[in-house]
């Protein structure tokens, strides 16, 4: 993979890809519109709160990687991705990448549902075929299936190989509470055991001390 993006560049590129397919009448995007898209609370993971200066850094980074262009023909500058054309992606591949960039690892079923506004897949087989092409091209990878999950998930590689632990399912609050209680009990038991050992030692020392003066 000849592309390695940082987190801000991933979000900016994902938003440009998404908006180019879902709202073409309002595309390219101004800095304000792009910042709003980055900070959108729905269909985003993680949810972020970027300042415009942060988005500008992402824009400049993508410009340097030749994945974005700036248009100055209107009253304010507007930005568009050139990633799709420069890498010869078709619509179905671009839609999958947009979802992975914006929402993190996804199953085939999730990809089919969440790409619907950008590209309509008629079956899971079609999704799987498009995913296979992107895997063969080195743009995404299949993650190891997690315990308790029936389906594997897929992640993009535009920011390098993902850390599997970062996408591990978070334990439920109740389970975390129980774990904390168990750890506290174990700590108290260890402390009691230590005090018991100290008490035994003190008794032995007292008996030894007493015997010396008898």
N, C-alpha and C. Protein backbone atom coordinates (compact mmCIF):
# COMPACT_ATOMS: atom_id res chain seq x y z
N UNK A 1 0.85 -1.19 0.00
CA UNK A 1 0.00 0.00 0.00
C UNK A 1 0.88 1.24 0.00
N UNK A 2 0.70 2.08 -0.99
CA UNK A 2 1.53 3.28 -1.11
C UNK A 2 0.88 4.49 -0.44
N UNK A 3 -0.24 4.29 0.25
CA UNK A 3 -0.94 5.37 0.93
C UNK A 3 -1.00 5.05 2.42
N UNK A 4 -0.59 6.03 3.25
CA UNK A 4 -0.76 5.89 4.69
C UNK A 4 -1.32 7.21 5.20
N UNK A 5 -2.58 7.19 5.60
CA UNK A 5 -3.26 8.39 6.06
C UNK A 5 -3.29 8.45 7.58
N UNK A 6 -3.34 9.68 8.12
CA UNK A 6 -3.58 9.81 9.55
C UNK A 6 -5.08 9.86 9.80
N UNK A 7 -5.47 9.94 11.08
CA UNK A 7 -6.90 9.85 11.42
C UNK A 7 -7.71 10.98 10.80
N UNK A 8 -7.15 12.19 10.78
CA UNK A 8 -7.88 13.33 10.23
C UNK A 8 -8.05 13.16 8.71
N UNK A 9 -6.99 12.74 8.04
CA UNK A 9 -7.06 12.52 6.59
C UNK A 9 -8.06 11.43 6.25
N UNK A 10 -8.13 10.39 7.07
CA UNK A 10 -9.11 9.31 6.87
C UNK A 10 -10.53 9.88 6.92
N UNK A 11 -10.80 10.71 7.94
CA UNK A 11 -12.14 11.26 8.08
C UNK A 11 -12.48 12.22 6.93
N UNK A 12 -11.53 13.08 6.56
CA UNK A 12 -11.79 14.04 5.48
C UNK A 12 -12.03 13.31 4.16
N UNK A 13 -11.18 12.35 3.84
CA UNK A 13 -11.35 11.60 2.59
C UNK A 13 -12.66 10.83 2.59
N UNK A 14 -12.99 10.20 3.72
CA UNK A 14 -14.24 9.45 3.80
C UNK A 14 -15.46 10.34 3.58
N UNK A 15 -15.41 11.54 4.15
CA UNK A 15 -16.54 12.47 3.97
C UNK A 15 -16.66 12.92 2.52
N UNK A 16 -15.55 13.21 1.88
CA UNK A 16 -15.59 13.63 0.48
C UNK A 16 -16.11 12.51 -0.41
N UNK A 17 -15.66 11.30 -0.15
CA UNK A 17 -16.16 10.15 -0.91
C UNK A 17 -17.68 10.01 -0.73
N UNK A 18 -18.11 10.05 0.53
CA UNK A 18 -19.53 9.87 0.82
C UNK A 18 -20.37 10.95 0.14
N UNK A 19 -20.00 12.22 0.34
CA UNK A 19 -20.82 13.32 -0.17
C UNK A 19 -20.80 13.36 -1.70
N UNK A 20 -19.72 12.95 -2.32
CA UNK A 20 -19.68 12.95 -3.78
C UNK A 20 -20.70 11.99 -4.36
N UNK A 21 -21.04 10.93 -3.61
CA UNK A 21 -21.98 9.92 -4.10
C UNK A 21 -23.41 10.13 -3.60
N UNK A 22 -23.55 10.69 -2.39
CA UNK A 22 -24.89 10.79 -1.80
C UNK A 22 -25.53 12.17 -1.99
N UNK A 23 -24.72 13.22 -2.10
CA UNK A 23 -25.26 14.57 -2.31
C UNK A 23 -24.48 15.28 -3.42
N UNK A 24 -24.50 14.74 -4.63
CA UNK A 24 -23.68 15.32 -5.71
C UNK A 24 -24.04 16.77 -6.05
N UNK A 25 -25.28 17.19 -5.78
CA UNK A 25 -25.68 18.57 -6.10
C UNK A 25 -25.00 19.58 -5.19
N UNK A 26 -24.54 19.13 -4.03
CA UNK A 26 -23.87 20.03 -3.07
C UNK A 26 -22.37 19.73 -2.98
N UNK A 27 -21.83 19.19 -4.02
CA UNK A 27 -20.43 18.76 -4.06
C UNK A 27 -19.75 19.45 -5.23
N UNK A 28 -18.48 19.89 -5.10
CA UNK A 28 -17.53 19.77 -3.99
C UNK A 28 -17.97 20.53 -2.73
N UNK A 29 -17.19 20.36 -1.65
CA UNK A 29 -17.57 20.93 -0.36
C UNK A 29 -16.70 22.12 0.02
N UNK A 30 -17.34 23.11 0.63
CA UNK A 30 -16.59 24.20 1.24
C UNK A 30 -15.94 23.70 2.52
N UNK A 31 -15.04 24.48 3.09
CA UNK A 31 -14.40 24.10 4.35
C UNK A 31 -15.45 23.94 5.44
N UNK A 32 -16.41 24.83 5.48
CA UNK A 32 -17.46 24.76 6.50
C UNK A 32 -18.28 23.49 6.34
N UNK A 33 -18.67 23.18 5.12
CA UNK A 33 -19.47 21.97 4.87
C UNK A 33 -18.68 20.71 5.17
N UNK A 34 -17.40 20.72 4.84
CA UNK A 34 -16.55 19.56 5.09
C UNK A 34 -16.35 19.35 6.59
N UNK A 35 -16.18 20.44 7.33
CA UNK A 35 -16.04 20.33 8.78
C UNK A 35 -17.31 19.77 9.40
N UNK A 36 -18.46 20.26 8.93
CA UNK A 36 -19.74 19.74 9.41
C UNK A 36 -19.88 18.25 9.12
N UNK A 37 -19.47 17.84 7.93
CA UNK A 37 -19.53 16.43 7.55
C UNK A 37 -18.63 15.59 8.45
N UNK A 38 -17.44 16.10 8.75
CA UNK A 38 -16.51 15.36 9.62
C UNK A 38 -17.08 15.18 11.02
N UNK A 39 -17.79 16.20 11.51
CA UNK A 39 -18.31 16.19 12.88
C UNK A 39 -19.73 15.65 12.99
N UNK A 40 -20.24 15.13 11.88
CA UNK A 40 -21.59 14.55 11.88
C UNK A 40 -21.68 13.46 12.94
N UNK A 41 -22.78 13.43 13.67
CA UNK A 41 -22.91 12.47 14.78
C UNK A 41 -23.50 11.13 14.34
N UNK A 42 -24.19 11.09 13.21
CA UNK A 42 -24.73 9.83 12.71
C UNK A 42 -23.82 9.27 11.63
N UNK A 43 -23.80 7.96 11.53
CA UNK A 43 -23.01 7.27 10.50
C UNK A 43 -21.51 7.57 10.59
N UNK A 44 -21.02 7.79 11.80
CA UNK A 44 -19.60 8.07 12.01
C UNK A 44 -19.10 7.27 13.21
N UNK A 45 -17.91 6.72 13.08
CA UNK A 45 -17.23 6.11 14.22
C UNK A 45 -15.73 6.29 14.05
N UNK A 46 -15.06 6.94 14.99
CA UNK A 46 -15.68 7.55 16.16
C UNK A 46 -16.30 8.89 15.83
N UNK A 47 -17.16 9.41 16.71
CA UNK A 47 -17.68 10.77 16.56
C UNK A 47 -16.58 11.73 16.99
N UNK A 48 -16.31 12.75 16.19
CA UNK A 48 -15.24 13.70 16.49
C UNK A 48 -15.80 15.11 16.54
N UNK A 49 -14.97 16.03 17.00
CA UNK A 49 -15.35 17.45 17.05
C UNK A 49 -14.15 18.25 16.55
N UNK A 50 -13.92 18.21 15.25
CA UNK A 50 -12.77 18.89 14.65
C UNK A 50 -13.01 20.39 14.56
N UNK A 51 -11.96 21.17 14.83
CA UNK A 51 -11.96 22.58 14.48
C UNK A 51 -11.66 22.69 12.98
N UNK A 52 -11.98 23.84 12.39
CA UNK A 52 -11.68 24.03 10.97
C UNK A 52 -10.18 23.93 10.71
N UNK A 53 -9.37 24.37 11.67
CA UNK A 53 -7.91 24.29 11.49
C UNK A 53 -7.45 22.83 11.37
N UNK A 54 -8.11 21.95 12.12
CA UNK A 54 -7.78 20.51 12.04
C UNK A 54 -8.13 19.97 10.66
N UNK A 55 -9.30 20.36 10.15
CA UNK A 55 -9.73 19.90 8.83
C UNK A 55 -8.79 20.44 7.75
N UNK A 56 -8.34 21.68 7.91
CA UNK A 56 -7.38 22.25 6.94
C UNK A 56 -6.10 21.42 6.90
N UNK A 57 -5.65 20.98 8.06
CA UNK A 57 -4.45 20.12 8.08
C UNK A 57 -4.71 18.82 7.32
N UNK A 58 -5.91 18.28 7.50
CA UNK A 58 -6.26 17.07 6.76
C UNK A 58 -6.32 17.32 5.27
N UNK A 59 -6.87 18.46 4.87
CA UNK A 59 -6.93 18.84 3.46
C UNK A 59 -5.53 18.95 2.88
N UNK A 60 -4.66 19.65 3.61
CA UNK A 60 -3.29 19.83 3.12
C UNK A 60 -2.56 18.50 3.00
N UNK A 61 -2.81 17.60 3.96
CA UNK A 61 -2.18 16.29 3.89
C UNK A 61 -2.64 15.50 2.69
N UNK A 62 -3.93 15.56 2.38
CA UNK A 62 -4.46 14.85 1.22
C UNK A 62 -4.00 15.49 -0.09
N UNK A 63 -3.86 16.81 -0.07
CA UNK A 63 -3.29 17.48 -1.25
C UNK A 63 -1.88 16.98 -1.53
N UNK A 64 -1.10 16.90 -0.46
CA UNK A 64 0.28 16.43 -0.61
C UNK A 64 0.36 15.01 -1.12
N UNK A 65 -0.63 14.21 -0.82
CA UNK A 65 -0.68 12.82 -1.28
C UNK A 65 -1.42 12.70 -2.62
N UNK A 66 -1.81 13.83 -3.17
CA UNK A 66 -2.50 13.89 -4.47
C UNK A 66 -3.80 13.09 -4.47
N UNK A 67 -4.54 13.27 -3.38
CA UNK A 67 -5.84 12.61 -3.26
C UNK A 67 -6.98 13.61 -3.22
N UNK A 68 -6.66 14.90 -3.28
CA UNK A 68 -7.66 15.95 -3.14
C UNK A 68 -7.25 17.15 -3.97
N UNK A 69 -8.23 17.85 -4.52
CA UNK A 69 -7.95 19.09 -5.26
C UNK A 69 -8.83 20.21 -4.71
N UNK A 70 -8.34 21.43 -4.86
CA UNK A 70 -9.08 22.61 -4.43
C UNK A 70 -9.53 23.39 -5.64
N UNK A 71 -10.82 23.74 -5.67
CA UNK A 71 -11.35 24.55 -6.75
C UNK A 71 -11.59 25.97 -6.28
N UNK A 72 -11.15 26.94 -7.06
CA UNK A 72 -11.29 28.35 -6.68
C UNK A 72 -12.19 29.13 -7.63
N UNK A 73 -13.00 28.41 -8.39
CA UNK A 73 -13.85 29.10 -9.38
C UNK A 73 -15.05 29.78 -8.73
N UNK A 74 -15.46 29.34 -7.54
CA UNK A 74 -16.59 29.96 -6.85
C UNK A 74 -16.10 31.01 -5.86
N UNK A 75 -17.05 31.61 -5.15
CA UNK A 75 -16.72 32.69 -4.21
C UNK A 75 -15.81 32.20 -3.09
N UNK A 76 -15.99 30.96 -2.66
CA UNK A 76 -15.13 30.38 -1.62
C UNK A 76 -14.51 29.10 -2.16
N UNK A 77 -13.32 28.74 -1.67
CA UNK A 77 -12.68 27.50 -2.13
C UNK A 77 -13.55 26.28 -1.82
N UNK A 78 -13.52 25.31 -2.72
CA UNK A 78 -14.24 24.05 -2.50
C UNK A 78 -13.29 22.90 -2.75
N UNK A 79 -13.58 21.77 -2.10
CA UNK A 79 -12.65 20.65 -2.12
C UNK A 79 -13.32 19.38 -2.64
N UNK A 80 -12.56 18.63 -3.42
CA UNK A 80 -13.06 17.38 -3.99
C UNK A 80 -11.96 16.33 -3.95
N UNK A 81 -12.37 15.09 -3.75
CA UNK A 81 -11.38 14.00 -3.77
C UNK A 81 -11.10 13.57 -5.22
N UNK A 82 -9.88 13.15 -5.44
CA UNK A 82 -9.52 12.57 -6.74
C UNK A 82 -8.98 11.15 -6.56
N UNK A 83 -9.25 10.62 -5.37
CA UNK A 83 -8.80 9.28 -5.02
C UNK A 83 -9.44 8.23 -5.92
N UNK A 84 -10.74 8.35 -6.15
CA UNK A 84 -11.48 7.34 -6.92
C UNK A 84 -10.94 7.25 -8.34
N UNK A 85 -10.82 8.39 -9.00
CA UNK A 85 -10.36 8.37 -10.39
C UNK A 85 -8.90 7.97 -10.51
N UNK A 86 -8.07 8.48 -9.60
CA UNK A 86 -6.64 8.19 -9.71
C UNK A 86 -6.32 6.73 -9.43
N UNK A 87 -7.22 6.04 -8.72
CA UNK A 87 -6.99 4.62 -8.41
C UNK A 87 -7.97 3.71 -9.16
N UNK A 88 -8.70 4.30 -10.10
CA UNK A 88 -9.57 3.52 -11.00
C UNK A 88 -10.61 2.68 -10.27
N UNK A 89 -11.21 3.26 -9.23
CA UNK A 89 -12.27 2.56 -8.52
C UNK A 89 -13.60 2.74 -9.24
N UNK A 90 -14.43 1.71 -9.17
CA UNK A 90 -15.80 1.82 -9.66
C UNK A 90 -16.68 2.20 -8.46
N UNK A 91 -17.94 2.52 -8.73
CA UNK A 91 -18.82 3.07 -7.68
C UNK A 91 -18.97 2.12 -6.49
N UNK A 92 -19.12 0.82 -6.76
CA UNK A 92 -19.35 -0.11 -5.65
C UNK A 92 -18.14 -0.18 -4.72
N UNK A 93 -16.94 -0.08 -5.28
CA UNK A 93 -15.72 -0.11 -4.47
C UNK A 93 -15.58 1.18 -3.67
N UNK A 94 -15.88 2.31 -4.31
CA UNK A 94 -15.79 3.60 -3.62
C UNK A 94 -16.79 3.65 -2.47
N UNK A 95 -17.98 3.10 -2.67
CA UNK A 95 -19.00 3.11 -1.61
C UNK A 95 -18.54 2.29 -0.41
N UNK A 96 -17.95 1.15 -0.66
CA UNK A 96 -17.45 0.30 0.43
C UNK A 96 -16.33 1.01 1.19
N UNK A 97 -15.40 1.60 0.48
CA UNK A 97 -14.30 2.30 1.13
C UNK A 97 -14.79 3.48 1.95
N UNK A 98 -15.78 4.20 1.43
CA UNK A 98 -16.32 5.34 2.18
C UNK A 98 -16.87 4.90 3.53
N UNK A 99 -17.63 3.80 3.52
CA UNK A 99 -18.21 3.30 4.77
C UNK A 99 -17.11 2.85 5.72
N UNK A 100 -16.11 2.16 5.23
CA UNK A 100 -15.02 1.69 6.09
C UNK A 100 -14.22 2.86 6.66
N UNK A 101 -14.02 3.90 5.87
CA UNK A 101 -13.29 5.08 6.34
C UNK A 101 -14.07 5.82 7.42
N UNK A 102 -15.39 5.86 7.27
CA UNK A 102 -16.21 6.65 8.18
C UNK A 102 -16.73 5.88 9.39
N UNK A 103 -16.84 4.54 9.27
CA UNK A 103 -17.51 3.78 10.33
C UNK A 103 -16.68 2.65 10.90
N UNK A 104 -15.43 2.50 10.41
CA UNK A 104 -14.61 1.43 10.95
C UNK A 104 -14.99 0.08 10.37
N UNK A 105 -14.43 -1.00 10.91
CA UNK A 105 -14.66 -2.35 10.38
C UNK A 105 -16.14 -2.72 10.32
N UNK A 106 -16.50 -3.43 9.25
CA UNK A 106 -17.89 -3.79 8.99
C UNK A 106 -17.98 -5.23 8.50
N UNK A 107 -19.13 -5.87 8.77
CA UNK A 107 -19.42 -7.16 8.18
C UNK A 107 -19.97 -6.95 6.77
N UNK A 108 -20.09 -8.03 6.02
CA UNK A 108 -20.67 -7.92 4.67
C UNK A 108 -22.10 -7.39 4.74
N UNK A 109 -22.86 -7.87 5.71
CA UNK A 109 -24.24 -7.41 5.85
C UNK A 109 -24.30 -5.93 6.18
N UNK A 110 -23.42 -5.48 7.06
CA UNK A 110 -23.39 -4.06 7.41
C UNK A 110 -22.98 -3.21 6.21
N UNK A 111 -22.04 -3.70 5.44
CA UNK A 111 -21.62 -2.96 4.24
C UNK A 111 -22.77 -2.84 3.25
N UNK A 112 -23.52 -3.91 3.08
CA UNK A 112 -24.64 -3.85 2.14
C UNK A 112 -25.67 -2.81 2.58
N UNK A 113 -25.98 -2.80 3.87
CA UNK A 113 -26.98 -1.85 4.39
C UNK A 113 -26.46 -0.42 4.34
N UNK A 114 -25.22 -0.22 4.73
CA UNK A 114 -24.71 1.14 4.93
C UNK A 114 -24.16 1.80 3.67
N UNK A 115 -24.06 1.03 2.59
CA UNK A 115 -23.68 1.64 1.31
C UNK A 115 -24.89 1.98 0.45
N UNK A 116 -26.08 1.71 0.96
CA UNK A 116 -27.28 1.77 0.11
C UNK A 116 -27.50 3.14 -0.52
N UNK A 117 -27.21 4.22 0.20
CA UNK A 117 -27.41 5.55 -0.36
C UNK A 117 -26.41 5.86 -1.47
N UNK A 118 -25.22 5.26 -1.36
CA UNK A 118 -24.18 5.53 -2.36
C UNK A 118 -24.22 4.54 -3.52
N UNK A 119 -24.49 3.28 -3.20
CA UNK A 119 -24.54 2.24 -4.24
C UNK A 119 -25.41 1.10 -3.72
N UNK A 120 -26.33 0.65 -4.53
CA UNK A 120 -27.26 -0.40 -4.10
C UNK A 120 -26.76 -1.77 -4.57
N UNK A 121 -26.37 -2.59 -3.61
CA UNK A 121 -26.02 -3.98 -3.90
C UNK A 121 -27.28 -4.83 -3.87
N UNK A 122 -27.41 -5.72 -4.81
CA UNK A 122 -28.60 -6.56 -4.89
C UNK A 122 -28.51 -7.81 -4.03
N UNK A 123 -27.31 -8.15 -3.59
CA UNK A 123 -27.15 -9.35 -2.78
C UNK A 123 -25.84 -9.28 -2.00
N UNK A 124 -25.74 -10.14 -1.00
CA UNK A 124 -24.49 -10.23 -0.24
C UNK A 124 -23.36 -10.77 -1.13
N UNK A 125 -23.71 -11.60 -2.09
CA UNK A 125 -22.70 -12.13 -3.00
C UNK A 125 -22.02 -10.99 -3.77
N UNK A 126 -22.80 -9.99 -4.16
CA UNK A 126 -22.22 -8.85 -4.86
C UNK A 126 -21.29 -8.06 -3.95
N UNK A 127 -21.69 -7.90 -2.70
CA UNK A 127 -20.83 -7.21 -1.73
C UNK A 127 -19.53 -7.99 -1.55
N UNK A 128 -19.67 -9.30 -1.39
CA UNK A 128 -18.50 -10.15 -1.17
C UNK A 128 -17.55 -10.09 -2.36
N UNK A 129 -18.10 -10.04 -3.57
CA UNK A 129 -17.26 -9.97 -4.77
C UNK A 129 -16.49 -8.65 -4.81
N UNK A 130 -17.18 -7.54 -4.48
CA UNK A 130 -16.51 -6.23 -4.47
C UNK A 130 -15.46 -6.18 -3.38
N UNK A 131 -15.77 -6.73 -2.22
CA UNK A 131 -14.81 -6.77 -1.12
C UNK A 131 -13.58 -7.61 -1.52
N UNK A 132 -13.83 -8.72 -2.21
CA UNK A 132 -12.72 -9.57 -2.66
C UNK A 132 -11.79 -8.83 -3.60
N UNK A 133 -12.37 -8.01 -4.47
CA UNK A 133 -11.54 -7.22 -5.40
C UNK A 133 -10.68 -6.22 -4.65
N UNK A 134 -11.24 -5.60 -3.62
CA UNK A 134 -10.49 -4.63 -2.83
C UNK A 134 -9.42 -5.31 -1.98
N UNK A 135 -9.70 -6.52 -1.53
CA UNK A 135 -8.68 -7.28 -0.80
C UNK A 135 -7.53 -7.63 -1.73
N UNK A 136 -7.85 -8.11 -2.92
CA UNK A 136 -6.83 -8.47 -3.89
C UNK A 136 -5.96 -7.26 -4.28
N UNK A 137 -6.58 -6.07 -4.28
CA UNK A 137 -5.85 -4.86 -4.64
C UNK A 137 -5.08 -4.28 -3.46
N UNK A 138 -5.28 -4.83 -2.27
CA UNK A 138 -4.53 -4.39 -1.10
C UNK A 138 -5.11 -3.19 -0.37
N UNK A 139 -6.40 -2.89 -0.60
CA UNK A 139 -7.00 -1.71 0.04
C UNK A 139 -7.77 -2.05 1.32
N UNK A 140 -8.20 -3.28 1.46
CA UNK A 140 -8.87 -3.69 2.69
C UNK A 140 -8.39 -5.07 3.09
N UNK A 141 -8.72 -5.47 4.32
CA UNK A 141 -8.34 -6.79 4.81
C UNK A 141 -9.48 -7.38 5.63
N UNK A 142 -9.49 -8.70 5.71
CA UNK A 142 -10.46 -9.40 6.54
C UNK A 142 -9.88 -9.57 7.93
N UNK A 143 -10.61 -9.13 8.94
CA UNK A 143 -10.14 -9.24 10.31
C UNK A 143 -10.46 -10.62 10.88
N UNK A 144 -9.65 -11.09 11.83
CA UNK A 144 -9.98 -12.37 12.48
C UNK A 144 -11.35 -12.29 13.13
N UNK A 145 -12.11 -13.35 13.02
CA UNK A 145 -13.45 -13.36 13.59
C UNK A 145 -13.36 -13.34 15.11
N UNK A 146 -14.14 -12.47 15.73
CA UNK A 146 -14.11 -12.33 17.18
C UNK A 146 -14.95 -13.40 17.85
N UNK A 147 -14.55 -13.81 19.06
CA UNK A 147 -15.35 -14.79 19.80
C UNK A 147 -16.78 -14.30 19.98
N UNK A 148 -17.72 -15.17 19.74
CA UNK A 148 -19.13 -14.81 19.91
C UNK A 148 -19.76 -14.16 18.70
N UNK A 149 -18.96 -13.87 17.67
CA UNK A 149 -19.50 -13.26 16.45
C UNK A 149 -19.59 -14.30 15.35
N UNK A 150 -20.70 -14.27 14.61
CA UNK A 150 -20.88 -15.23 13.53
C UNK A 150 -20.17 -14.81 12.25
N UNK A 151 -20.04 -13.48 12.05
CA UNK A 151 -19.48 -12.98 10.80
C UNK A 151 -18.15 -12.27 11.02
N UNK A 152 -17.29 -12.38 10.04
CA UNK A 152 -16.03 -11.64 10.07
C UNK A 152 -16.28 -10.21 9.63
N UNK A 153 -15.40 -9.31 10.02
CA UNK A 153 -15.49 -7.92 9.61
C UNK A 153 -14.29 -7.57 8.71
N UNK A 154 -14.46 -6.48 8.01
CA UNK A 154 -13.43 -6.03 7.06
C UNK A 154 -13.03 -4.59 7.41
N UNK A 155 -11.74 -4.29 7.22
CA UNK A 155 -11.23 -2.95 7.56
C UNK A 155 -10.39 -2.44 6.40
N UNK A 156 -10.36 -1.12 6.24
CA UNK A 156 -9.52 -0.52 5.19
C UNK A 156 -8.06 -0.49 5.65
N UNK A 157 -7.16 -0.39 4.70
CA UNK A 157 -5.72 -0.35 4.98
C UNK A 157 -5.10 0.98 4.59
N UNK A 158 -5.92 2.00 4.41
CA UNK A 158 -5.40 3.30 3.97
C UNK A 158 -4.65 4.02 5.08
N UNK A 159 -4.80 3.56 6.32
CA UNK A 159 -4.04 4.13 7.43
C UNK A 159 -3.06 3.09 7.98
N UNK A 160 -2.72 2.11 7.17
CA UNK A 160 -1.89 1.01 7.63
C UNK A 160 -2.76 -0.11 8.18
N UNK A 161 -2.13 -1.18 8.59
CA UNK A 161 -2.89 -2.32 9.12
C UNK A 161 -3.49 -1.96 10.47
N UNK A 162 -4.78 -2.19 10.65
CA UNK A 162 -5.43 -1.78 11.91
C UNK A 162 -4.98 -2.63 13.08
N UNK A 163 -5.03 -2.03 14.28
CA UNK A 163 -4.77 -2.77 15.50
C UNK A 163 -6.05 -3.51 15.86
N UNK A 164 -5.97 -4.82 15.89
CA UNK A 164 -7.16 -5.63 16.13
C UNK A 164 -7.77 -5.29 17.48
N UNK A 165 -6.94 -5.04 18.50
CA UNK A 165 -7.43 -4.77 19.84
C UNK A 165 -8.28 -3.51 19.88
N UNK A 166 -7.97 -2.55 19.00
CA UNK A 166 -8.71 -1.28 19.02
C UNK A 166 -10.17 -1.46 18.67
N UNK A 167 -10.50 -2.58 17.96
CA UNK A 167 -11.87 -2.81 17.54
C UNK A 167 -12.52 -3.96 18.29
N UNK A 168 -11.86 -4.38 19.37
CA UNK A 168 -12.46 -5.46 20.17
C UNK A 168 -13.72 -4.94 20.84
N UNK A 169 -14.74 -5.80 20.98
CA UNK A 169 -15.98 -5.35 21.61
C UNK A 169 -15.75 -4.95 23.05
N UNK A 170 -16.40 -3.85 23.48
CA UNK A 170 -16.25 -3.36 24.84
C UNK A 170 -17.16 -4.16 25.77
N UNK A 171 -16.64 -4.57 26.96
CA UNK A 171 -17.48 -5.30 27.90
C UNK A 171 -18.65 -4.44 28.37
N UNK A 172 -19.76 -5.09 28.73
CA UNK A 172 -20.92 -4.37 29.24
C UNK A 172 -20.57 -3.70 30.57
N UNK A 173 -21.22 -2.57 30.90
CA UNK A 173 -20.94 -1.89 32.18
C UNK A 173 -21.09 -2.80 33.39
N UNK A 174 -22.13 -3.67 33.35
CA UNK A 174 -22.33 -4.58 34.48
C UNK A 174 -21.16 -5.53 34.66
N UNK A 175 -20.60 -5.99 33.51
CA UNK A 175 -19.46 -6.90 33.59
C UNK A 175 -18.22 -6.17 34.12
N UNK A 176 -18.05 -4.93 33.69
CA UNK A 176 -16.92 -4.14 34.19
C UNK A 176 -17.04 -3.92 35.70
N UNK A 177 -18.29 -3.69 36.16
CA UNK A 177 -18.52 -3.49 37.59
C UNK A 177 -18.17 -4.74 38.39
N UNK A 178 -18.58 -5.90 37.85
CA UNK A 178 -18.28 -7.16 38.53
C UNK A 178 -16.77 -7.40 38.55
N UNK A 179 -16.11 -7.13 37.43
CA UNK A 179 -14.66 -7.30 37.39
C UNK A 179 -13.97 -6.42 38.42
N UNK A 180 -14.45 -5.17 38.56
CA UNK A 180 -13.86 -4.26 39.54
C UNK A 180 -14.07 -4.77 40.95
N UNK A 181 -15.29 -5.30 41.21
CA UNK A 181 -15.58 -5.85 42.54
C UNK A 181 -14.70 -7.06 42.83
N UNK A 182 -14.54 -7.94 41.83
CA UNK A 182 -13.71 -9.12 42.02
C UNK A 182 -12.26 -8.75 42.29
N UNK A 183 -11.78 -7.73 41.56
CA UNK A 183 -10.40 -7.28 41.77
C UNK A 183 -10.22 -6.68 43.17
N UNK A 184 -11.25 -5.94 43.63
CA UNK A 184 -11.18 -5.35 44.97
C UNK A 184 -11.18 -6.43 46.04
N UNK A 185 -12.04 -7.45 45.87
CA UNK A 185 -12.10 -8.55 46.83
C UNK A 185 -10.77 -9.30 46.86
N UNK A 186 -10.21 -9.56 45.67
CA UNK A 186 -8.93 -10.26 45.59
C UNK A 186 -7.84 -9.47 46.28
N UNK A 187 -7.87 -8.14 46.12
CA UNK A 187 -6.87 -7.29 46.75
C UNK A 187 -7.02 -7.31 48.26
N UNK A 188 -8.28 -7.26 48.76
CA UNK A 188 -8.51 -7.30 50.20
C UNK A 188 -8.09 -8.64 50.80
N UNK A 189 -8.38 -9.72 50.07
CA UNK A 189 -7.99 -11.05 50.56
C UNK A 189 -6.48 -11.17 50.65
N UNK A 190 -5.79 -10.61 49.66
CA UNK A 190 -4.32 -10.65 49.67
C UNK A 190 -3.78 -9.84 50.85
N UNK A 191 -4.45 -8.71 51.14
CA UNK A 191 -4.01 -7.87 52.25
C UNK A 191 -4.23 -8.57 53.59
N UNK A 192 -5.39 -9.24 53.71
CA UNK A 192 -5.68 -9.99 54.93
C UNK A 192 -4.66 -11.11 55.13
N UNK A 193 -4.35 -11.81 54.04
CA UNK A 193 -3.36 -12.89 54.12
C UNK A 193 -2.01 -12.36 54.56
N UNK A 194 -1.65 -11.19 54.06
CA UNK A 194 -0.37 -10.58 54.44
C UNK A 194 -0.37 -10.20 55.91
N UNK A 195 -1.49 -9.63 56.39
CA UNK A 195 -1.58 -9.26 57.80
C UNK A 195 -1.55 -10.50 58.69
N UNK A 196 -2.18 -11.58 58.22
CA UNK A 196 -2.17 -12.82 58.99
C UNK A 196 -0.73 -13.35 59.13
N UNK A 197 0.01 -13.28 58.04
CA UNK A 197 1.42 -13.72 58.09
C UNK A 197 2.23 -12.85 59.04
N UNK A 198 1.95 -11.55 59.01
CA UNK A 198 2.68 -10.63 59.91
C UNK A 198 2.35 -10.94 61.37
N UNK A 199 1.06 -11.25 61.63
CA UNK A 199 0.65 -11.56 63.00
C UNK A 199 1.32 -12.83 63.49
N UNK A 200 1.39 -13.84 62.64
CA UNK A 200 2.08 -15.09 63.01
C UNK A 200 3.54 -14.81 63.33
N UNK A 201 4.17 -13.96 62.50
CA UNK A 201 5.57 -13.64 62.71
C UNK A 201 5.76 -12.88 64.02
N UNK A 202 4.85 -11.96 64.32
CA UNK A 202 4.94 -11.19 65.57
C UNK A 202 4.79 -12.11 66.79
N UNK A 203 3.87 -13.09 66.69
CA UNK A 203 3.69 -14.04 67.79
C UNK A 203 4.96 -14.86 68.02
N UNK A 204 5.56 -15.31 66.92
CA UNK A 204 6.78 -16.09 67.03
C UNK A 204 7.90 -15.24 67.63
N UNK A 205 7.98 -13.98 67.18
CA UNK A 205 9.02 -13.09 67.71
C UNK A 205 8.79 -12.83 69.20
N UNK A 206 7.51 -12.68 69.62
CA UNK A 206 7.20 -12.42 71.02
C UNK A 206 7.57 -13.62 71.88
N UNK A 207 7.23 -14.83 71.41
CA UNK A 207 7.56 -16.04 72.16
C UNK A 207 9.06 -16.18 72.30
N UNK A 208 9.79 -15.89 71.21
CA UNK A 208 11.25 -15.97 71.23
C UNK A 208 11.83 -14.95 72.20
N UNK A 209 11.29 -13.73 72.17
CA UNK A 209 11.76 -12.66 73.03
C UNK A 209 11.48 -13.01 74.51
N UNK A 210 10.29 -13.57 74.77
CA UNK A 210 9.89 -13.91 76.13
C UNK A 210 10.77 -15.03 76.70
N UNK A 211 11.12 -15.99 75.85
CA UNK A 211 11.92 -17.13 76.29
C UNK A 211 13.33 -16.71 76.68
N UNK A 212 13.79 -15.63 76.11
CA UNK A 212 15.16 -15.16 76.41
C UNK A 212 15.27 -14.60 77.82
N UNK A 213 14.14 -14.21 78.43
CA UNK A 213 14.18 -13.61 79.75
C UNK A 213 13.60 -14.51 80.83
N UNK A 214 13.34 -15.75 80.47
CA UNK A 214 12.81 -16.69 81.49
C UNK A 214 13.95 -17.43 82.17
